[in-house]
Protein backbone atom coordinates (compact mmCIF):
# COMPACT_ATOMS: atom_id res chain seq x y z
CA MET A 1 0.02 0.03 -0.03
CA CYS A 2 1.38 3.51 -0.95
CA LYS A 3 2.10 6.20 1.73
CA THR A 4 -0.60 8.38 0.05
CA THR A 5 -3.09 5.65 0.52
CA ILE A 6 -2.14 5.09 4.16
CA CYS A 7 -2.35 8.79 5.08
CA SER A 8 -5.58 9.33 3.32
CA ARG A 9 -7.28 6.42 5.42
CA VAL A 10 -5.99 8.01 8.43
CA VAL A 11 -7.25 11.55 7.79
CA SER A 12 -10.59 10.33 6.47
CA VAL A 13 -11.86 8.88 9.86
CA LEU A 14 -14.16 11.92 10.17
CA SER A 15 -15.40 11.31 6.60
CA ILE A 16 -16.54 7.92 7.44
CA LEU A 17 -18.60 9.17 10.39
CA VAL A 18 -20.14 11.80 8.12
CA ALA A 19 -21.09 9.28 5.44
CA ALA A 20 -22.48 6.90 8.11
CA ALA A 21 -24.73 9.69 9.56
CA ALA A 22 -25.67 10.90 6.07
CA ALA A 23 -29.12 9.49 6.16
CA GLY A 24 -30.04 11.43 9.23
CA TRP A 25 -28.14 14.88 8.64
CA ALA A 26 -31.40 17.03 7.82
CA GLN A 27 -33.08 15.96 10.88
CA PRO A 28 -33.77 18.45 13.71
CA ALA A 29 -31.10 19.51 16.09
CA ASN A 30 -32.98 17.48 19.06
CA SER A 31 -32.79 14.34 16.88
CA PRO A 32 -31.88 11.28 19.09
CA ARG A 33 -29.13 10.14 16.71
CA PRO A 34 -26.15 10.91 19.22
CA ASN A 35 -27.54 8.34 21.65
CA ARG A 36 -29.14 5.87 19.35
CA PRO A 37 -29.44 2.19 20.70
CA PRO A 38 -27.66 -0.50 18.96
CA GLU A 39 -28.90 -1.45 15.44
CA PRO A 40 -31.08 -4.57 15.62
CA PRO A 41 -30.14 -7.38 13.19
CA ALA A 42 -31.33 -6.57 9.66
CA ASP A 43 -34.23 -8.48 8.16
CA PRO A 44 -32.33 -11.28 6.11
CA ASN A 45 -35.17 -11.25 3.50
CA ALA A 46 -34.80 -7.52 2.98
CA VAL A 47 -31.08 -7.87 2.69
CA ALA A 48 -31.44 -10.56 0.01
CA TYR A 49 -33.92 -8.31 -1.88
CA LEU A 50 -31.56 -5.30 -1.70
CA LEU A 51 -28.87 -7.41 -3.38
CA LYS A 52 -31.34 -7.98 -6.37
CA LEU A 53 -31.76 -4.20 -6.38
CA GLY A 54 -28.02 -3.48 -6.60
CA ASN A 55 -27.00 -2.89 -3.14
CA ARG A 56 -23.01 -2.66 -2.89
CA GLY A 57 -22.99 -2.19 0.93
CA ILE A 58 -20.79 0.86 1.15
CA ARG A 59 -22.19 3.90 2.87
CA VAL A 60 -22.32 6.57 0.22
CA HIS A 61 -24.55 9.62 -0.21
CA ASP A 62 -24.81 11.70 -3.38
CA PRO A 63 -22.49 9.50 -5.50
CA SER A 64 -20.72 10.85 -8.66
CA THR A 65 -20.79 9.26 -11.95
CA ILE A 66 -18.42 6.14 -12.19
CA VAL A 67 -15.17 6.90 -14.05
CA ARG A 68 -12.29 4.49 -14.84
CA CYS A 69 -8.60 4.91 -14.01
CA LYS A 70 -6.27 1.95 -15.03
CA ASP A 71 -7.97 -0.99 -13.75
CA GLN A 72 -10.17 0.55 -11.18
CA TYR A 73 -13.58 2.17 -11.20
CA TRP A 74 -13.91 5.39 -9.00
CA ILE A 75 -16.62 7.19 -7.41
CA PHE A 76 -16.89 10.30 -5.15
CA CYS A 77 -19.48 11.27 -2.60
CA THR A 78 -20.69 13.73 -0.10
CA GLY A 79 -18.38 14.00 3.06
CA ARG A 80 -15.65 15.67 4.60
CA GLY A 81 -13.03 16.64 1.82
CA THR A 82 -14.94 14.68 -0.69
CA PRO A 83 -14.40 10.90 -0.08
CA SER A 84 -13.79 8.40 -2.79
CA PHE A 85 -14.33 4.65 -3.22
CA HIS A 86 -12.72 2.32 -5.87
CA SER A 87 -13.53 -1.13 -7.25
CA LYS A 88 -12.13 -3.47 -9.71
CA ASP A 89 -15.34 -5.22 -10.60
CA LEU A 90 -18.09 -2.80 -9.69
CA VAL A 91 -19.20 -5.40 -6.77
CA ALA A 92 -16.64 -4.92 -4.16
CA TRP A 93 -15.72 -1.55 -3.22
CA GLU A 94 -12.97 0.00 -0.89
CA ARG A 95 -12.60 3.38 0.37
CA GLY A 96 -10.01 5.62 -1.21
CA PRO A 97 -8.40 9.01 -0.27
CA GLN A 98 -10.31 12.03 0.08
CA THR A 99 -9.87 14.79 -2.41
CA PHE A 100 -9.01 17.65 0.22
CA THR A 101 -7.32 17.29 3.61
CA LYS A 102 -7.52 21.05 4.04
CA SER A 103 -10.10 23.68 3.01
CA PRO A 104 -9.42 25.64 -0.34
CA GLN A 105 -8.87 29.35 0.54
CA TRP A 106 -11.97 30.49 -1.32
CA VAL A 107 -14.46 28.43 0.66
CA ALA A 108 -14.56 30.59 3.93
CA GLN A 109 -15.22 33.78 1.87
CA ALA A 110 -17.77 32.26 -0.60
CA VAL A 111 -19.80 30.15 2.04
CA PRO A 112 -19.04 31.43 5.54
CA GLY A 113 -21.69 29.12 7.01
CA ASN A 114 -19.76 26.07 6.00
CA ARG A 115 -17.99 25.89 9.52
CA SER A 116 -15.51 23.19 8.92
CA GLY A 117 -14.53 24.36 5.44
CA LEU A 118 -14.39 20.69 4.29
CA ASP A 119 -18.01 19.60 4.17
CA PHE A 120 -18.31 19.22 0.55
CA TRP A 121 -21.64 17.77 -1.19
CA ALA A 122 -22.71 15.93 -4.32
CA PRO A 123 -19.55 15.79 -6.44
CA ASP A 124 -19.31 14.62 -9.94
CA VAL A 125 -16.32 13.74 -11.96
CA ILE A 126 -15.33 13.15 -15.77
CA ARG A 127 -12.35 12.23 -17.54
CA PHE A 128 -11.96 14.95 -20.32
CA ARG A 129 -9.01 15.15 -22.62
CA ASP A 130 -5.97 14.37 -20.54
CA LYS A 131 -7.22 14.82 -16.94
CA TYR A 132 -9.99 14.22 -14.49
CA LEU A 133 -12.33 17.13 -13.60
CA LEU A 134 -14.09 16.81 -10.17
CA TYR A 135 -16.93 19.28 -9.46
CA PHE A 136 -18.01 19.66 -5.66
CA SER A 137 -20.51 21.97 -3.95
CA VAL A 138 -20.06 23.85 -0.87
CA SER A 139 -23.27 25.15 0.95
CA THR A 140 -25.24 25.14 4.23
CA PHE A 141 -28.71 23.59 4.66
CA GLY A 142 -31.74 25.36 3.47
CA LYS A 143 -29.74 28.40 2.04
CA ASN A 144 -28.69 29.11 -1.45
CA THR A 145 -25.43 30.90 -0.49
CA SER A 146 -23.43 28.17 -2.34
CA ALA A 147 -20.64 27.57 -4.74
CA ILE A 148 -19.55 24.88 -7.14
CA GLY A 149 -15.77 24.35 -7.12
CA LEU A 150 -13.38 22.41 -9.37
CA ALA A 151 -10.44 20.13 -8.82
CA THR A 152 -8.20 18.38 -11.40
CA ASN A 153 -5.93 15.66 -11.48
CA VAL A 154 -4.05 13.61 -14.30
CA THR A 155 -4.73 10.32 -12.43
CA LEU A 156 -7.04 8.81 -9.77
CA ASP A 157 -4.35 6.38 -8.60
CA PRO A 158 -2.98 7.64 -5.23
CA CYS A 159 0.15 5.48 -5.86
CA ASP A 160 1.06 7.19 -9.05
CA PRO A 161 3.82 9.81 -8.68
CA ALA A 162 1.69 12.16 -10.83
CA TYR A 163 -1.22 11.90 -8.22
CA GLU A 164 -2.06 15.57 -7.15
CA TRP A 165 -5.45 17.24 -6.77
CA LYS A 166 -5.22 20.86 -7.91
CA ASP A 167 -7.87 23.34 -6.61
CA CYS A 168 -9.13 25.40 -9.56
CA GLY A 169 -11.43 27.67 -7.50
CA ILE A 170 -15.25 28.62 -8.12
CA VAL A 171 -17.05 27.43 -11.27
CA VAL A 172 -20.39 29.08 -10.35
CA GLN A 173 -21.96 30.50 -7.07
CA SER A 174 -25.18 31.75 -5.89
CA SER A 175 -26.54 34.10 -3.12
CA PRO A 176 -29.78 35.06 -1.94
CA ARG A 177 -30.12 37.52 -4.93
CA ASP A 178 -30.26 34.48 -7.36
CA ASP A 179 -33.18 32.40 -8.21
CA PHE A 180 -31.05 29.07 -8.25
CA ASN A 181 -28.89 27.14 -5.80
CA ALA A 182 -25.25 26.34 -6.94
CA ILE A 183 -25.03 22.85 -5.54
CA ASP A 184 -25.43 19.25 -7.12
CA PRO A 185 -23.10 19.65 -10.16
CA ALA A 186 -23.31 17.14 -13.00
CA VAL A 187 -20.66 17.54 -15.89
CA THR A 188 -21.43 16.32 -19.38
CA ALA A 189 -19.75 16.35 -22.72
CA ASP A 190 -21.97 17.06 -25.82
CA ALA A 191 -22.02 15.10 -29.02
CA ASP A 192 -19.67 17.99 -30.42
CA GLY A 193 -17.13 17.93 -27.62
CA ASN A 194 -18.37 20.86 -25.62
CA LEU A 195 -18.46 20.74 -21.92
CA TRP A 196 -21.50 21.58 -19.75
CA LEU A 197 -22.64 21.64 -16.27
CA ALA A 198 -26.01 21.05 -14.84
CA PHE A 199 -26.81 21.94 -11.23
CA GLY A 200 -29.52 23.03 -8.91
CA SER A 201 -31.65 22.26 -5.88
CA PHE A 202 -35.19 23.62 -5.13
CA TRP A 203 -35.28 27.49 -5.72
CA GLY A 204 -35.67 28.09 -9.42
CA GLY A 205 -34.88 24.46 -10.28
CA ILE A 206 -32.33 22.79 -12.63
CA LYS A 207 -29.86 25.05 -14.40
CA LEU A 208 -27.13 24.56 -17.04
CA ILE A 209 -24.10 26.42 -18.01
CA GLN A 210 -21.49 25.90 -20.71
CA LEU A 211 -17.78 25.39 -19.65
CA ASP A 212 -14.61 26.28 -21.25
CA PRO A 213 -13.02 22.80 -22.35
CA ALA A 214 -9.51 24.24 -21.85
CA THR A 215 -10.06 25.11 -18.15
CA GLY A 216 -13.23 23.20 -17.07
CA LYS A 217 -14.58 26.72 -15.69
CA ARG A 218 -17.49 28.65 -16.81
CA ILE A 219 -16.94 29.83 -20.43
CA ALA A 220 -17.54 33.39 -19.42
CA PRO A 221 -18.66 35.21 -16.18
CA ASP A 222 -21.84 36.38 -17.74
CA SER A 223 -22.53 33.27 -20.14
CA PRO A 224 -26.14 32.24 -20.33
CA VAL A 225 -27.78 30.26 -17.54
CA HIS A 226 -30.30 27.86 -19.15
CA ALA A 227 -33.29 26.57 -17.27
CA LEU A 228 -34.13 22.92 -17.80
CA ALA A 229 -36.44 21.76 -14.96
CA HIS A 230 -38.65 23.00 -12.25
CA TYR A 231 -40.70 21.37 -9.39
CA ASP A 232 -41.51 22.13 -5.71
CA SER A 233 -38.86 19.70 -4.54
CA ILE A 234 -36.15 19.10 -7.24
CA GLU A 235 -32.52 18.46 -7.23
CA ALA A 236 -29.73 16.08 -8.27
CA PRO A 237 -29.54 16.48 -12.09
CA PHE A 238 -27.64 14.33 -14.48
CA ILE A 239 -27.45 14.58 -18.18
CA TYR A 240 -26.74 11.68 -20.52
CA GLN A 241 -26.36 11.63 -24.22
CA ARG A 242 -27.23 8.64 -26.26
CA ASN A 243 -27.71 8.42 -30.13
CA GLY A 244 -28.00 12.27 -30.37
CA VAL A 245 -30.61 12.47 -27.71
CA TYR A 246 -30.08 14.15 -24.30
CA TYR A 247 -31.79 12.61 -21.14
CA LEU A 248 -32.08 14.63 -18.06
CA PHE A 249 -32.27 12.52 -14.91
CA LEU A 250 -33.20 14.19 -11.76
CA ASN A 251 -34.87 13.90 -8.33
CA TRP A 252 -38.22 14.87 -6.92
CA GLY A 253 -38.79 14.64 -3.16
CA MET A 254 -37.02 14.90 -0.13
CA CYS A 255 -33.62 13.24 0.79
CA CYS A 256 -31.68 12.79 3.84
CA ARG A 257 -34.46 11.50 6.12
CA GLY A 258 -33.53 7.96 6.10
CA VAL A 259 -36.54 5.49 5.99
CA ASN A 260 -38.71 8.61 5.76
CA SER A 261 -37.06 9.89 2.58
CA THR A 262 -39.35 10.48 -0.35
CA TYR A 263 -36.79 10.77 -3.29
CA ASN A 264 -37.83 9.44 -6.55
CA MET A 265 -36.10 9.53 -9.86
CA ARG A 266 -37.51 11.21 -13.02
CA VAL A 267 -36.39 11.56 -16.59
CA GLY A 268 -37.04 13.76 -19.60
CA ARG A 269 -35.23 13.94 -23.01
CA SER A 270 -34.39 16.66 -25.65
CA PRO A 271 -32.63 16.75 -29.07
CA THR A 272 -30.40 19.42 -27.61
CA ILE A 273 -28.63 19.89 -24.56
CA THR A 274 -30.13 23.06 -23.57
CA GLY A 275 -33.69 21.59 -23.86
CA PRO A 276 -36.58 21.72 -23.79
CA TYR A 277 -36.73 18.48 -22.00
CA LEU A 278 -40.13 16.57 -22.35
CA ASP A 279 -41.38 13.49 -20.46
CA LYS A 280 -43.19 10.48 -21.93
CA GLU A 281 -46.47 12.48 -22.04
CA ASP A 282 -44.70 15.46 -23.90
CA LYS A 283 -44.86 17.61 -20.66
CA ASN A 284 -42.04 20.14 -20.37
CA MET A 285 -39.94 19.61 -17.25
CA LEU A 286 -39.82 23.30 -16.76
CA GLU A 287 -43.77 22.97 -16.18
CA GLY A 288 -43.44 20.11 -13.73
CA GLY A 289 -42.96 17.26 -16.29
CA GLY A 290 -40.80 14.22 -15.50
CA THR A 291 -41.51 10.50 -16.03
CA LEU A 292 -40.98 8.34 -13.09
CA LEU A 293 -38.06 6.05 -13.56
CA LEU A 294 -37.22 4.81 -10.18
CA ASP A 295 -39.04 4.89 -6.74
CA THR A 296 -39.06 3.34 -3.34
CA ASP A 297 -39.20 -0.38 -3.65
CA GLY A 298 -39.79 -2.10 -0.28
CA PRO A 299 -36.52 -1.58 1.82
CA PHE A 300 -35.00 0.08 -1.24
CA ILE A 301 -35.79 3.65 -0.22
CA GLY A 302 -35.48 6.98 -1.98
CA PRO A 303 -33.13 6.18 -4.79
CA GLY A 304 -31.26 9.38 -6.01
CA HIS A 305 -28.46 10.97 -7.60
CA ALA A 306 -28.24 9.01 -10.91
CA GLY A 307 -25.00 8.48 -12.79
CA ILE A 308 -24.58 6.17 -15.89
CA LEU A 309 -21.45 4.03 -17.05
CA LYS A 310 -21.43 2.58 -20.41
CA GLU A 311 -18.98 -0.25 -21.19
CA GLY A 312 -19.30 -2.09 -24.50
CA ASP A 313 -23.00 -2.49 -25.06
CA LYS A 314 -23.95 -2.46 -21.52
CA TYR A 315 -25.20 0.32 -19.46
CA TRP A 316 -25.07 0.81 -15.56
CA LEU A 317 -27.00 3.13 -13.34
CA GLY A 318 -25.25 4.12 -10.08
CA MET A 319 -27.21 5.66 -7.17
CA HIS A 320 -27.75 6.00 -3.51
CA PHE A 321 -30.57 4.67 -1.59
CA TYR A 322 -31.75 4.46 2.07
CA ASP A 323 -31.42 0.90 3.50
CA GLY A 324 -34.91 -0.05 4.80
CA SER A 325 -33.35 -3.25 6.30
CA THR A 326 -31.90 -1.14 8.98
CA ARG A 327 -33.72 0.93 11.53
CA TRP A 328 -32.04 4.24 10.64
CA GLY A 329 -32.19 3.88 6.82
CA THR A 330 -28.43 4.31 6.18
CA SER A 331 -27.61 5.66 2.90
CA LYS A 332 -25.93 3.29 0.68
CA TYR A 333 -24.62 2.54 -2.93
CA ALA A 334 -26.43 0.59 -5.65
CA ILE A 335 -25.63 -0.24 -9.21
CA ARG A 336 -28.26 -1.57 -11.39
CA PRO A 337 -28.45 -2.58 -15.16
CA LEU A 338 -29.92 -0.08 -17.51
CA THR A 339 -31.61 -0.90 -20.86
CA TRP A 340 -33.50 1.20 -23.44
CA SER A 341 -37.05 0.57 -24.79
CA ASP A 342 -37.67 0.55 -28.46
CA ASP A 343 -38.81 3.99 -28.31
CA GLY A 344 -35.67 5.19 -26.48
CA TRP A 345 -36.53 5.57 -22.88
CA PRO A 346 -34.38 4.21 -19.93
CA VAL A 347 -35.54 1.10 -18.19
CA VAL A 348 -33.76 0.10 -14.83
CA GLY A 349 -33.50 -3.74 -14.22
CA LEU A 350 -32.62 -5.89 -11.35
CA ALA A 351 -28.92 -6.67 -10.43
CA GLU A 352 -28.13 -10.20 -9.77
CA SER A 353 -24.48 -9.18 -10.50
CA ALA A 354 -22.55 -6.25 -11.89
CA LYS A 355 -21.01 -8.12 -14.76
């Protein structure tokens, strides 16, 4: 094991605790979580069912898209310093290093309420040209004083001598003057090789900006902010391009409430990345449209934060869910197969295995 990996595991103890508590972090301050009794044994039937629904067992909230580096798959997630996990087979996952061990200088000024300066949410990652671009959000609950930052690396392998995360600063930010919330970034390359960032949570809904492919930052400070979708409770966008069609995945409902979470995954599509995105009934997602893709299924509660991996002719949908086989509904990671209907809509299947 390389020195970087050993050090990262030592400094990520707090991130493990954050991830373990992710399912309950939006509960009131008088929540009984600090004095919880021991977790009772999980229902074996529920555990078996969750395996069919893709449960990978690791405690993850707001997972990124899966990317590959050498012989490993990687995801990043909400937590202290942006934790990571890696796998060789998409089934067994191990914790990797966190992206940041100290807060970037701009965080305290952009989001003063982020007290630790290392509580980063809902990252997304892409390999673009010769490096990895990792977008992450900094905010506080219930406010839209937020910012999305960018870090880059030429490799995700912490044992590679070239491994080094470089903080590139703010990509986009929001304040009470804005009608959007700059969190939940999702990066996408379009069919022409242009780079885009979708984001948003509640407020004015889901937005989209174009990025400079040379830097990964916003193409211009005053570039257009495109509106893609709106609903009373909406967040966690993800755009995927297939056969010249752009699919917008997002969540309705409430996260972070364990077994009481109401997250459900919706989808619409458009021939252009800027929309309009329509659902199966041709309802515009800006007007409350969105076809239900995935919802609570027994102990598989509140699936959210979609990300798609394509390998060969197979597609895989990654997400978090709240584990209803446990009392507290711990947030965990799942991967399920994705197919496409004859008329081009995504269909989520069962996951007997990842391969």
